[in-house]
Amino acid sequence: EAVEPSTPEQAELTEHQQRVQDLVNKLNAQEKAHMQTLEQWMLEALRWERELTLRKIAKATPYYEAEQGMRLGQLRTQESAMRYQQLLSDHDDYVQAVEAQELKLTALKHVDKDHD
């Protein structure tokens, strides 16, 4: 049974107390719903854990390790091919530079013989 407040200040205080109580009730309801959801997630996680046992994961591990090894091998092969092409190009450049220097040296030898 509610007691009538005797002053406007008491009435305002009672109103604020009711608002606080309403907020506490809403908070409690939210916490209860949250805990139920959390419990459901925990039960689901336990179910997944039973289904995905370490044994199954252990059986699958070599496959994924091999797949990763293949990817790394492909990457290294591509990198090696690019490096080979670069070295081949550099080699061609050096061969052309040597041939140019040999031609220059031959020309200088002929000029030198002509002066003698």
PDB file of N, CA and C in Angstrom:
ATOM      1  N   GLU A   1       0.854  -1.168   0.000  1.00  0.00           N
ATOM      2  CA  GLU A   1       0.000   0.000   0.000  1.00  0.00           C
ATOM      3  C   GLU A   1       0.896   1.225   0.000  1.00  0.00           C
ATOM      4  N   ALA A   2       0.664   2.148  -0.950  1.00  0.00           N
ATOM      5  CA  ALA A   2       1.486   3.341  -1.090  1.00  0.00           C
ATOM      6  C   ALA A   2       1.041   4.401  -0.108  1.00  0.00           C
ATOM      7  N   VAL A   3       2.035   5.065   0.475  1.00  0.00           N
ATOM      8  CA  VAL A   3       1.760   6.153   1.418  1.00  0.00           C
ATOM      9  C   VAL A   3       1.851   7.448   0.640  1.00  0.00           C
ATOM     10  N   GLU A   4       0.854   8.316   0.804  1.00  0.00           N
ATOM     11  CA  GLU A   4       0.842   9.599   0.114  1.00  0.00           C
ATOM     12  C   GLU A   4       1.963  10.467   0.666  1.00  0.00           C
ATOM     13  N   PRO A   5       2.804  11.036  -0.221  1.00  0.00           N
ATOM     14  CA  PRO A   5       3.858  11.913   0.254  1.00  0.00           C
ATOM     15  C   PRO A   5       3.251  13.198   0.833  1.00  0.00           C
ATOM     16  N   SER A   6       3.915  13.711   1.864  1.00  0.00           N
ATOM     17  CA  SER A   6       3.351  14.876   2.538  1.00  0.00           C
ATOM     18  C   SER A   6       3.841  16.190   1.954  1.00  0.00           C
ATOM     19  N   THR A   7       4.955  16.178   1.204  1.00  0.00           N
ATOM     20  CA  THR A   7       5.456  17.430   0.631  1.00  0.00           C
ATOM     21  C   THR A   7       5.787  17.209  -0.841  1.00  0.00           C
ATOM     22  N   PRO A   8       5.866  18.293  -1.610  1.00  0.00           N
ATOM     23  CA  PRO A   8       6.248  18.152  -3.029  1.00  0.00           C
ATOM     24  C   PRO A   8       7.634  17.521  -3.179  1.00  0.00           C
ATOM     25  N   GLU A   9       8.549  17.805  -2.266  1.00  0.00           N
ATOM     26  CA  GLU A   9       9.892  17.221  -2.340  1.00  0.00           C
ATOM     27  C   GLU A   9       9.824  15.708  -2.138  1.00  0.00           C
ATOM     28  N   GLN A  10       8.988  15.277  -1.205  1.00  0.00           N
ATOM     29  CA  GLN A  10       8.837  13.846  -0.971  1.00  0.00           C
ATOM     30  C   GLN A  10       8.175  13.179  -2.179  1.00  0.00           C
ATOM     31  N   ALA A  11       7.239  13.877  -2.808  1.00  0.00           N
ATOM     32  CA  ALA A  11       6.585  13.344  -4.005  1.00  0.00           C
ATOM     33  C   ALA A  11       7.607  13.176  -5.123  1.00  0.00           C
ATOM     34  N   GLU A  12       8.476  14.176  -5.289  1.00  0.00           N
ATOM     35  CA  GLU A  12       9.513  14.106  -6.329  1.00  0.00           C
ATOM     36  C   GLU A  12      10.494  12.985  -6.008  1.00  0.00           C
ATOM     37  N   LEU A  13      10.852  12.854  -4.745  1.00  0.00           N
ATOM     38  CA  LEU A  13      11.753  11.785  -4.327  1.00  0.00           C
ATOM     39  C   LEU A  13      11.131  10.426  -4.596  1.00  0.00           C
ATOM     40  N   THR A  14       9.868  10.282  -4.291  1.00  0.00           N
ATOM     41  CA  THR A  14       9.171   9.025  -4.539  1.00  0.00           C
ATOM     42  C   THR A  14       9.137   8.715  -6.038  1.00  0.00           C
ATOM     43  N   GLU A  15       8.927   9.730  -6.852  1.00  0.00           N
ATOM     44  CA  GLU A  15       8.892   9.539  -8.307  1.00  0.00           C
ATOM     45  C   GLU A  15      10.259   9.086  -8.816  1.00  0.00           C
ATOM     46  N   HIS A  16      11.324   9.714  -8.305  1.00  0.00           N
ATOM     47  CA  HIS A  16      12.679   9.317  -8.707  1.00  0.00           C
ATOM     48  C   HIS A  16      13.007   7.900  -8.239  1.00  0.00           C
ATOM     49  N   GLN A  17      12.572   7.570  -7.044  1.00  0.00           N
ATOM     50  CA  GLN A  17      12.798   6.220  -6.534  1.00  0.00           C
ATOM     51  C   GLN A  17      12.083   5.196  -7.417  1.00  0.00           C
ATOM     52  N   GLN A  18      10.897   5.526  -7.896  1.00  0.00           N
ATOM     53  CA  GLN A  18      10.153   4.618  -8.776  1.00  0.00           C
ATOM     54  C   GLN A  18      10.874   4.452 -10.111  1.00  0.00           C
ATOM     55  N   ARG A  19      11.414   5.566 -10.654  1.00  0.00           N
ATOM     56  CA  ARG A  19      12.163   5.491 -11.917  1.00  0.00           C
ATOM     57  C   ARG A  19      13.406   4.618 -11.752  1.00  0.00           C
ATOM     58  N   VAL A  20      14.098   4.819 -10.624  1.00  0.00           N
ATOM     59  CA  VAL A  20      15.289   4.006 -10.359  1.00  0.00           C
ATOM     60  C   VAL A  20      14.899   2.538 -10.256  1.00  0.00           C
ATOM     61  N   GLN A  21      13.805   2.247  -9.535  1.00  0.00           N
ATOM     62  CA  GLN A  21      13.365   0.864  -9.394  1.00  0.00           C
ATOM     63  C   GLN A  21      12.990   0.267 -10.752  1.00  0.00           C
ATOM     64  N   ASP A  22      12.341   1.065 -11.617  1.00  0.00           N
ATOM     65  CA  ASP A  22      12.002   0.593 -12.966  1.00  0.00           C
ATOM     66  C   ASP A  22      13.269   0.264 -13.757  1.00  0.00           C
ATOM     67  N   LEU A  23      14.294   1.141 -13.641  1.00  0.00           N
ATOM     68  CA  LEU A  23      15.547   0.889 -14.350  1.00  0.00           C
ATOM     69  C   LEU A  23      16.250  -0.359 -13.809  1.00  0.00           C
ATOM     70  N   VAL A  24      16.209  -0.542 -12.497  1.00  0.00           N
ATOM     71  CA  VAL A  24      16.801  -1.743 -11.888  1.00  0.00           C
ATOM     72  C   VAL A  24      16.082  -2.984 -12.397  1.00  0.00           C
ATOM     73  N   ASN A  25      14.765  -2.937 -12.482  1.00  0.00           N
ATOM     74  CA  ASN A  25      14.000  -4.079 -12.988  1.00  0.00           C
ATOM     75  C   ASN A  25      14.358  -4.381 -14.443  1.00  0.00           C
ATOM     76  N   LYS A  26      14.495  -3.324 -15.275  1.00  0.00           N
ATOM     77  CA  LYS A  26      14.876  -3.523 -16.683  1.00  0.00           C
ATOM     78  C   LYS A  26      16.281  -4.120 -16.777  1.00  0.00           C
ATOM     79  N   LEU A  27      17.188  -3.599 -15.944  1.00  0.00           N
ATOM     80  CA  LEU A  27      18.555  -4.118 -15.931  1.00  0.00           C
ATOM     81  C   LEU A  27      18.576  -5.590 -15.537  1.00  0.00           C
ATOM     82  N   ASN A  28      17.829  -5.935 -14.516  1.00  0.00           N
ATOM     83  CA  ASN A  28      17.767  -7.338 -14.087  1.00  0.00           C
ATOM     84  C   ASN A  28      17.219  -8.236 -15.187  1.00  0.00           C
ATOM     85  N   ALA A  29      16.198  -7.758 -15.899  1.00  0.00           N
ATOM     86  CA  ALA A  29      15.629  -8.543 -16.999  1.00  0.00           C
ATOM     87  C   ALA A  29      16.660  -8.726 -18.113  1.00  0.00           C
ATOM     88  N   GLN A  30      17.422  -7.657 -18.431  1.00  0.00           N
ATOM     89  CA  GLN A  30      18.458  -7.748 -19.461  1.00  0.00           C
ATOM     90  C   GLN A  30      19.569  -8.704 -19.038  1.00  0.00           C
ATOM     91  N   GLU A  31      19.986  -8.617 -17.788  1.00  0.00           N
ATOM     92  CA  GLU A  31      21.024  -9.518 -17.290  1.00  0.00           C
ATOM     93  C   GLU A  31      20.563 -10.970 -17.356  1.00  0.00           C
ATOM     94  N   LYS A  32      19.319 -11.222 -17.028  1.00  0.00           N
ATOM     95  CA  LYS A  32      18.790 -12.582 -17.080  1.00  0.00           C
ATOM     96  C   LYS A  32      18.802 -13.099 -18.525  1.00  0.00           C
ATOM     97  N   ALA A  33      18.348 -12.239 -19.459  1.00  0.00           N
ATOM     98  CA  ALA A  33      18.355 -12.640 -20.874  1.00  0.00           C
ATOM     99  C   ALA A  33      19.788 -12.871 -21.354  1.00  0.00           C
ATOM    100  N   HIS A  34      20.698 -12.004 -20.938  1.00  0.00           N
ATOM    101  CA  HIS A  34      22.104 -12.148 -21.327  1.00  0.00           C
ATOM    102  C   HIS A  34      22.683 -13.454 -20.787  1.00  0.00           C
ATOM    103  N   MET A  35      22.409 -13.767 -19.559  1.00  0.00           N
ATOM    104  CA  MET A  35      22.929 -14.993 -18.970  1.00  0.00           C
ATOM    105  C   MET A  35      22.360 -16.228 -19.669  1.00  0.00           C
ATOM    106  N   GLN A  36      21.077 -16.172 -20.045  1.00  0.00           N
ATOM    107  CA  GLN A  36      20.489 -17.302 -20.770  1.00  0.00           C
ATOM    108  C   GLN A  36      21.176 -17.468 -22.121  1.00  0.00           C
ATOM    109  N   THR A  37      21.437 -16.347 -22.809  1.00  0.00           N
ATOM    110  CA  THR A  37      22.134 -16.409 -24.097  1.00  0.00           C
ATOM    111  C   THR A  37      23.543 -16.947 -23.909  1.00  0.00           C
ATOM    112  N   LEU A  38      24.220 -16.467 -22.875  1.00  0.00           N
ATOM    113  CA  LEU A  38      25.567 -16.937 -22.586  1.00  0.00           C
ATOM    114  C   LEU A  38      25.571 -18.438 -22.299  1.00  0.00           C
ATOM    115  N   GLU A  39      24.615 -18.893 -21.532  1.00  0.00           N
ATOM    116  CA  GLU A  39      24.521 -20.323 -21.243  1.00  0.00           C
ATOM    117  C   GLU A  39      24.278 -21.116 -22.525  1.00  0.00           C
ATOM    118  N   GLN A  40      23.445 -20.588 -23.415  1.00  0.00           N
ATOM    119  CA  GLN A  40      23.192 -21.273 -24.686  1.00  0.00           C
ATOM    120  C   GLN A  40      24.463 -21.352 -25.523  1.00  0.00           C
ATOM    121  N   TRP A  41      25.218 -20.261 -25.542  1.00  0.00           N
ATOM    122  CA  TRP A  41      26.478 -20.270 -26.290  1.00  0.00           C
ATOM    123  C   TRP A  41      27.465 -21.258 -25.689  1.00  0.00           C
ATOM    124  N   MET A  42      27.510 -21.329 -24.386  1.00  0.00           N
ATOM    125  CA  MET A  42      28.418 -22.275 -23.742  1.00  0.00           C
ATOM    126  C   MET A  42      28.022 -23.717 -24.048  1.00  0.00           C
ATOM    127  N   LEU A  43      26.723 -23.996 -24.040  1.00  0.00           N
ATOM    128  CA  LEU A  43      26.266 -25.346 -24.390  1.00  0.00           C
ATOM    129  C   LEU A  43      26.607 -25.662 -25.843  1.00  0.00           C
ATOM    130  N   GLU A  44      26.429 -24.673 -26.721  1.00  0.00           N
ATOM    131  CA  GLU A  44      26.764 -24.865 -28.141  1.00  0.00           C
ATOM    132  C   GLU A  44      28.265 -25.106 -28.302  1.00  0.00           C
ATOM    133  N   ALA A  45      29.076 -24.371 -27.558  1.00  0.00           N
ATOM    134  CA  ALA A  45      30.525 -24.560 -27.631  1.00  0.00           C
ATOM    135  C   ALA A  45      30.914 -25.963 -27.159  1.00  0.00           C
ATOM    136  N   LEU A  46      30.287 -26.434 -26.120  1.00  0.00           N
ATOM    137  CA  LEU A  46      30.564 -27.793 -25.648  1.00  0.00           C
ATOM    138  C   LEU A  46      30.170 -28.834 -26.694  1.00  0.00           C
ATOM    139  N   ARG A  47      29.048 -28.585 -27.365  1.00  0.00           N
ATOM    140  CA  ARG A  47      28.612 -29.505 -28.419  1.00  0.00           C
ATOM    141  C   ARG A  47      29.635 -29.520 -29.554  1.00  0.00           C
ATOM    142  N   TRP A  48      30.092 -28.347 -29.946  1.00  0.00           N
ATOM    143  CA  TRP A  48      31.107 -28.273 -31.006  1.00  0.00           C
ATOM    144  C   TRP A  48      32.385 -28.967 -30.575  1.00  0.00           C
ATOM    145  N   GLU A  49      32.746 -28.798 -29.330  1.00  0.00           N
ATOM    146  CA  GLU A  49      33.957 -29.424 -28.831  1.00  0.00           C
ATOM    147  C   GLU A  49      33.856 -30.942 -28.923  1.00  0.00           C
ATOM    148  N   ARG A  50      32.681 -31.473 -28.603  1.00  0.00           N
ATOM    149  CA  ARG A  50      32.490 -32.928 -28.713  1.00  0.00           C
ATOM    150  C   ARG A  50      32.566 -33.362 -30.171  1.00  0.00           C
ATOM    151  N   GLU A  51      31.992 -32.575 -31.071  1.00  0.00           N
ATOM    152  CA  GLU A  51      31.996 -32.948 -32.490  1.00  0.00           C
ATOM    153  C   GLU A  51      33.375 -32.801 -33.109  1.00  0.00           C
ATOM    154  N   LEU A  52      34.056 -31.745 -32.739  1.00  0.00           N
ATOM    155  CA  LEU A  52      35.382 -31.493 -33.314  1.00  0.00           C
ATOM    156  C   LEU A  52      36.442 -31.889 -32.304  1.00  0.00           C
ATOM    157  N   THR A  53      36.597 -33.137 -32.133  1.00  0.00           N
ATOM    158  CA  THR A  53      37.565 -33.623 -31.151  1.00  0.00           C
ATOM    159  C   THR A  53      38.982 -33.361 -31.632  1.00  0.00           C
ATOM    160  N   LEU A  54      39.881 -33.413 -30.707  1.00  0.00           N
ATOM    161  CA  LEU A  54      41.286 -33.229 -31.060  1.00  0.00           C
ATOM    162  C   LEU A  54      41.758 -34.304 -32.031  1.00  0.00           C
ATOM    163  N   ARG A  55      41.158 -35.464 -31.938  1.00  0.00           N
ATOM    164  CA  ARG A  55      41.538 -36.555 -32.842  1.00  0.00           C
ATOM    165  C   ARG A  55      41.237 -36.176 -34.297  1.00  0.00           C
ATOM    166  N   LYS A  56      40.047 -35.591 -34.525  1.00  0.00           N
ATOM    167  CA  LYS A  56      39.693 -35.172 -35.887  1.00  0.00           C
ATOM    168  C   LYS A  56      40.611 -34.058 -36.362  1.00  0.00           C
ATOM    169  N   ILE A  57      40.893 -33.141 -35.469  1.00  0.00           N
ATOM    170  CA  ILE A  57      41.785 -32.039 -35.831  1.00  0.00           C
ATOM    171  C   ILE A  57      43.178 -32.581 -36.137  1.00  0.00           C
ATOM    172  N   ALA A  58      43.630 -33.516 -35.330  1.00  0.00           N
ATOM    173  CA  ALA A  58      44.957 -34.104 -35.544  1.00  0.00           C
ATOM    174  C   ALA A  58      45.022 -34.831 -36.886  1.00  0.00           C
ATOM    175  N   LYS A  59      43.928 -35.487 -37.273  1.00  0.00           N
ATOM    176  CA  LYS A  59      43.908 -36.177 -38.569  1.00  0.00           C
ATOM    177  C   LYS A  59      43.967 -35.185 -39.722  1.00  0.00           C
ATOM    178  N   ALA A  60      43.346 -34.029 -39.558  1.00  0.00           N
ATOM    179  CA  ALA A  60      43.293 -33.039 -40.634  1.00  0.00           C
ATOM    180  C   ALA A  60      44.574 -32.214 -40.733  1.00  0.00           C
ATOM    181  N   THR A  61      45.327 -32.146 -39.670  1.00  0.00           N
ATOM    182  CA  THR A  61      46.515 -31.291 -39.639  1.00  0.00           C
ATOM    183  C   THR A  61      47.519 -31.587 -40.752  1.00  0.00           C
ATOM    184  N   PRO A  62      47.887 -32.848 -41.009  1.00  0.00           N
ATOM    185  CA  PRO A  62      48.855 -33.093 -42.085  1.00  0.00           C
ATOM    186  C   PRO A  62      48.381 -32.572 -43.449  1.00  0.00           C
ATOM    187  N   TYR A  63      47.095 -32.680 -43.708  1.00  0.00           N
ATOM    188  CA  TYR A  63      46.564 -32.173 -44.980  1.00  0.00           C
ATOM    189  C   TYR A  63      46.819 -30.679 -45.103  1.00  0.00           C
ATOM    190  N   TYR A  64      46.473 -29.933 -44.056  1.00  0.00           N
ATOM    191  CA  TYR A  64      46.637 -28.484 -44.112  1.00  0.00           C
ATOM    192  C   TYR A  64      48.111 -28.078 -44.113  1.00  0.00           C
ATOM    193  N   GLU A  65      48.936 -28.846 -43.425  1.00  0.00           N
ATOM    194  CA  GLU A  65      50.371 -28.570 -43.457  1.00  0.00           C
ATOM    195  C   GLU A  65      50.924 -28.814 -44.858  1.00  0.00           C
ATOM    196  N   ALA A  66      50.471 -29.888 -45.502  1.00  0.00           N
ATOM    197  CA  ALA A  66      50.916 -30.183 -46.865  1.00  0.00           C
ATOM    198  C   ALA A  66      50.438 -29.102 -47.830  1.00  0.00           C
ATOM    199  N   GLU A  67      49.194 -28.674 -47.649  1.00  0.00           N
ATOM    200  CA  GLU A  67      48.653 -27.608 -48.501  1.00  0.00           C
ATOM    201  C   GLU A  67      49.474 -26.327 -48.344  1.00  0.00           C
ATOM    202  N   GLN A  68      49.808 -25.996 -47.117  1.00  0.00           N
ATOM    203  CA  GLN A  68      50.631 -24.808 -46.859  1.00  0.00           C
ATOM    204  C   GLN A  68      52.019 -24.983 -47.480  1.00  0.00           C
ATOM    205  N   GLY A  69      52.568 -26.181 -47.369  1.00  0.00           N
ATOM    206  CA  GLY A  69      53.868 -26.462 -47.977  1.00  0.00           C
ATOM    207  C   GLY A  69      53.830 -26.308 -49.486  1.00  0.00           C
ATOM    208  N   MET A  70      52.749 -26.767 -50.098  1.00  0.00           N
ATOM    209  CA  MET A  70      52.602 -26.608 -51.545  1.00  0.00           C
ATOM    210  C   MET A  70      52.532 -25.134 -51.925  1.00  0.00           C
ATOM    211  N   ARG A  71      51.754 -24.363 -51.156  1.00  0.00           N
ATOM    212  CA  ARG A  71      51.655 -22.931 -51.456  1.00  0.00           C
ATOM    213  C   ARG A  71      53.018 -22.248 -51.342  1.00  0.00           C
ATOM    214  N   LEU A  72      53.753 -22.607 -50.282  1.00  0.00           N
ATOM    215  CA  LEU A  72      55.088 -22.019 -50.122  1.00  0.00           C
ATOM    216  C   LEU A  72      56.011 -22.451 -51.258  1.00  0.00           C
ATOM    217  N   GLY A  73      55.906 -23.714 -51.657  1.00  0.00           N
ATOM    218  CA  GLY A  73      56.714 -24.206 -52.773  1.00  0.00           C
ATOM    219  C   GLY A  73      56.395 -23.475 -54.066  1.00  0.00           C
ATOM    220  N   GLN A  74      55.110 -23.249 -54.328  1.00  0.00           N
ATOM    221  CA  GLN A  74      54.717 -22.509 -55.527  1.00  0.00           C
ATOM    222  C   GLN A  74      55.247 -21.078 -55.485  1.00  0.00           C
ATOM    223  N   LEU A  75      55.148 -20.466 -54.330  1.00  0.00           N
ATOM    224  CA  LEU A  75      55.635 -19.099 -54.181  1.00  0.00           C
ATOM    225  C   LEU A  75      57.142 -19.042 -54.409  1.00  0.00           C
ATOM    226  N   ARG A  76      57.867 -19.985 -53.815  1.00  0.00           N
ATOM    227  CA  ARG A  76      59.323 -20.005 -53.994  1.00  0.00           C
ATOM    228  C   ARG A  76      59.694 -20.282 -55.446  1.00  0.00           C
ATOM    229  N   THR A  77      58.930 -21.142 -56.114  1.00  0.00           N
ATOM    230  CA  THR A  77      59.186 -21.433 -57.524  1.00  0.00           C
ATOM    231  C   THR A  77      58.986 -20.180 -58.366  1.00  0.00           C
ATOM    232  N   GLN A  78      57.913 -19.437 -58.109  1.00  0.00           N
ATOM    233  CA  GLN A  78      57.666 -18.192 -58.839  1.00  0.00           C
ATOM    234  C   GLN A  78      58.772 -17.177 -58.580  1.00  0.00           C
ATOM    235  N   GLU A  79      59.176 -17.060 -57.312  1.00  0.00           N
ATOM    236  CA  GLU A  79      60.249 -16.125 -56.975  1.00  0.00           C
ATOM    237  C   GLU A  79      61.552 -16.531 -57.658  1.00  0.00           C
ATOM    238  N   SER A  80      61.834 -17.833 -57.685  1.00  0.00           N
ATOM    239  CA  SER A  80      63.051 -18.325 -58.333  1.00  0.00           C
ATOM    240  C   SER A  80      63.007 -18.068 -59.836  1.00  0.00           C
ATOM    241  N   ALA A  81      61.844 -18.259 -60.442  1.00  0.00           N
ATOM    242  CA  ALA A  81      61.709 -18.018 -61.879  1.00  0.00           C
ATOM    243  C   ALA A  81      61.942 -16.543 -62.195  1.00  0.00           C
ATOM    244  N   MET A  82      61.389 -15.672 -61.380  1.00  0.00           N
ATOM    245  CA  MET A  82      61.603 -14.237 -61.601  1.00  0.00           C
ATOM    246  C   MET A  82      63.070 -13.875 -61.421  1.00  0.00           C
ATOM    247  N   ARG A  83      63.700 -14.460 -60.391  1.00  0.00           N
ATOM    248  CA  ARG A  83      65.123 -14.186 -60.154  1.00  0.00           C
ATOM    249  C   ARG A  83      65.965 -14.718 -61.307  1.00  0.00           C
ATOM    250  N   TYR A  84      65.631 -15.892 -61.820  1.00  0.00           N
ATOM    251  CA  TYR A  84      66.349 -16.465 -62.954  1.00  0.00           C
ATOM    252  C   TYR A  84      66.238 -15.550 -64.166  1.00  0.00           C
ATOM    253  N   GLN A  85      65.034 -15.063 -64.436  1.00  0.00           N
ATOM    254  CA  GLN A  85      64.841 -14.161 -65.579  1.00  0.00           C
ATOM    255  C   GLN A  85      65.667 -12.889 -65.410  1.00  0.00           C
ATOM    256  N   GLN A  86      65.709 -12.358 -64.194  1.00  0.00           N
ATOM    257  CA  GLN A  86      66.496 -11.155 -63.933  1.00  0.00           C
ATOM    258  C   GLN A  86      67.979 -11.424 -64.153  1.00  0.00           C
ATOM    259  N   LEU A  87      68.469 -12.557 -63.637  1.00  0.00           N
ATOM    260  CA  LEU A  87      69.880 -12.898 -63.809  1.00  0.00           C
ATOM    261  C   LEU A  87      70.220 -13.146 -65.282  1.00  0.00           C
ATOM    262  N   LEU A  88      69.302 -13.775 -65.986  1.00  0.00           N
ATOM    263  CA  LEU A  88      69.503 -14.007 -67.419  1.00  0.00           C
ATOM    264  C   LEU A  88      69.599 -12.684 -68.164  1.00  0.00           C
ATOM    265  N   SER A  89      68.735 -11.755 -67.821  1.00  0.00           N
ATOM    266  CA  SER A  89      68.760 -10.431 -68.439  1.00  0.00           C
ATOM    267  C   SER A  89      70.060  -9.709 -68.107  1.00  0.00           C
ATOM    268  N   ASP A  90      70.472  -9.786 -66.835  1.00  0.00           N
ATOM    269  CA  ASP A  90      71.741  -9.167 -66.437  1.00  0.00           C
ATOM    270  C   ASP A  90      72.906  -9.788 -67.197  1.00  0.00           C
ATOM    271  N   HIS A  91      72.890 -11.114 -67.339  1.00  0.00           N
ATOM    272  CA  HIS A  91      73.950 -11.815 -68.068  1.00  0.00           C
ATOM    273  C   HIS A  91      74.020 -11.323 -69.512  1.00  0.00           C
ATOM    274  N   ASP A  92      72.853 -11.217 -70.155  1.00  0.00           N
ATOM    275  CA  ASP A  92      72.832 -10.722 -71.537  1.00  0.00           C
ATOM    276  C   ASP A  92      73.409  -9.312 -71.624  1.00  0.00           C
ATOM    277  N   ASP A  93      73.059  -8.471 -70.650  1.00  0.00           N
ATOM    278  CA  ASP A  93      73.595  -7.107 -70.627  1.00  0.00           C
ATOM    279  C   ASP A  93      75.110  -7.130 -70.486  1.00  0.00           C
ATOM    280  N   TYR A  94      75.632  -8.012 -69.600  1.00  0.00           N
ATOM    281  CA  TYR A  94      77.075  -8.092 -69.403  1.00  0.00           C
ATOM    282  C   TYR A  94      77.778  -8.628 -70.644  1.00  0.00           C
ATOM    283  N   VAL A  95      77.182  -9.610 -71.312  1.00  0.00           N
ATOM    284  CA  VAL A  95      77.773 -10.168 -72.530  1.00  0.00           C
ATOM    285  C   VAL A  95      77.857  -9.077 -73.590  1.00  0.00           C
ATOM    286  N   GLN A  96      76.807  -8.291 -73.734  1.00  0.00           N
ATOM    287  CA  GLN A  96      76.825  -7.197 -74.711  1.00  0.00           C
ATOM    288  C   GLN A  96      77.875  -6.150 -74.349  1.00  0.00           C
ATOM    289  N   ALA A  97      78.013  -5.864 -73.058  1.00  0.00           N
ATOM    290  CA  ALA A  97      79.016  -4.887 -72.633  1.00  0.00           C
ATOM    291  C   ALA A  97      80.424  -5.402 -72.915  1.00  0.00           C
ATOM    292  N   VAL A  98      80.660  -6.710 -72.652  1.00  0.00           N
ATOM    293  CA  VAL A  98      81.979  -7.301 -72.930  1.00  0.00           C
ATOM    294  C   VAL A  98      82.255  -7.278 -74.427  1.00  0.00           C
ATOM    295  N   GLU A  99      81.260  -7.645 -75.236  1.00  0.00           N
ATOM    296  CA  GLU A  99      81.447  -7.632 -76.693  1.00  0.00           C
ATOM    297  C   GLU A  99      81.748  -6.224 -77.184  1.00  0.00           C
ATOM    298  N   ALA A 100      81.069  -5.238 -76.621  1.00  0.00           N
ATOM    299  CA  ALA A 100      81.316  -3.846 -77.023  1.00  0.00           C
ATOM    300  C   ALA A 100      82.739  -3.437 -76.648  1.00  0.00           C
ATOM    301  N   GLN A 101      83.193  -3.832 -75.457  1.00  0.00           N
ATOM    302  CA  GLN A 101      84.555  -3.505 -75.037  1.00  0.00           C
ATOM    303  C   GLN A 101      85.586  -4.225 -75.901  1.00  0.00           C
ATOM    304  N   GLU A 102      85.282  -5.480 -76.290  1.00  0.00           N
ATOM    305  CA  GLU A 102      86.199  -6.222 -77.158  1.00  0.00           C
ATOM    306  C   GLU A 102      86.308  -5.557 -78.527  1.00  0.00           C
ATOM    307  N   LEU A 103      85.172  -5.093 -79.055  1.00  0.00           N
ATOM    308  CA  LEU A 103      85.194  -4.387 -80.339  1.00  0.00           C
ATOM    309  C   LEU A 103      86.003  -3.100 -80.230  1.00  0.00           C
ATOM    310  N   LYS A 104      85.789  -2.391 -79.118  1.00  0.00           N
ATOM    311  CA  LYS A 104      86.537  -1.150 -78.897  1.00  0.00           C
ATOM    312  C   LYS A 104      88.026  -1.443 -78.799  1.00  0.00           C
ATOM    313  N   LEU A 105      88.381  -2.505 -78.084  1.00  0.00           N
ATOM    314  CA  LEU A 105      89.784  -2.878 -77.936  1.00  0.00           C
ATOM    315  C   LEU A 105      90.385  -3.279 -79.284  1.00  0.00           C
ATOM    316  N   THR A 106      89.646  -4.017 -80.086  1.00  0.00           N
ATOM    317  CA  THR A 106      90.110  -4.413 -81.417  1.00  0.00           C
ATOM    318  C   THR A 106      90.327  -3.178 -82.286  1.00  0.00           C
ATOM    319  N   ALA A 107      89.368  -2.243 -82.205  1.00  0.00           N
ATOM    320  CA  ALA A 107      89.505  -1.013 -82.991  1.00  0.00           C
ATOM    321  C   ALA A 107      90.725  -0.226 -82.537  1.00  0.00           C
ATOM    322  N   LEU A 108      90.962  -0.144 -81.240  1.00  0.00           N
ATOM    323  CA  LEU A 108      92.125   0.577 -80.722  1.00  0.00           C
ATOM    324  C   LEU A 108      93.428  -0.101 -81.157  1.00  0.00           C
ATOM    325  N   LYS A 109      93.432  -1.436 -81.192  1.00  0.00           N
ATOM    326  CA  LYS A 109      94.623  -2.151 -81.627  1.00  0.00           C
ATOM    327  C   LYS A 109      94.923  -1.831 -83.095  1.00  0.00           C
ATOM    328  N   HIS A 110      93.867  -1.760 -83.931  1.00  0.00           N
ATOM    329  CA  HIS A 110      94.056  -1.452 -85.346  1.00  0.00           C
ATOM    330  C   HIS A 110      94.557  -0.016 -85.505  1.00  0.00           C
ATOM    331  N   VAL A 111      94.039   0.885 -84.724  1.00  0.00           N
ATOM    332  CA  VAL A 111      94.487   2.290 -84.801  1.00  0.00           C
ATOM    333  C   VAL A 111      95.934   2.364 -84.356  1.00  0.00           C
ATOM    334  N   ASP A 112      96.273   1.634 -83.321  1.00  0.00           N
ATOM    335  CA  ASP A 112      97.628   1.636 -82.798  1.00  0.00           C
ATOM    336  C   ASP A 112      98.601   1.044 -83.831  1.00  0.00           C
ATOM    337  N   LYS A 113      98.190  -0.024 -84.552  1.00  0.00           N
ATOM    338  CA  LYS A 113      99.050  -0.628 -85.575  1.00  0.00           C
ATOM    339  C   LYS A 113      99.230   0.333 -86.737  1.00  0.00           C
ATOM    340  N   ASP A 114      98.171   1.081 -87.027  1.00  0.00           N
ATOM    341  CA  ASP A 114      98.265   2.032 -88.163  1.00  0.00           C
ATOM    342  C   ASP A 114      99.214   3.168 -87.831  1.00  0.00           C
ATOM    343  N   HIS A 115      99.367   3.533 -86.591  1.00  0.00           N
ATOM    344  CA  HIS A 115     100.273   4.608 -86.197  1.00  0.00           C
ATOM    345  C   HIS A 115     101.707   4.141 -86.132  1.00  0.00           C
ATOM    346  N   ASP A 116     101.929   2.873 -86.042  1.00  0.00           N
ATOM    347  CA  ASP A 116     103.307   2.367 -85.942  1.00  0.00           C
ATOM    348  C   ASP A 116     103.965   2.237 -87.244  1.00  0.00           C
TER     349      ASP A 116
END
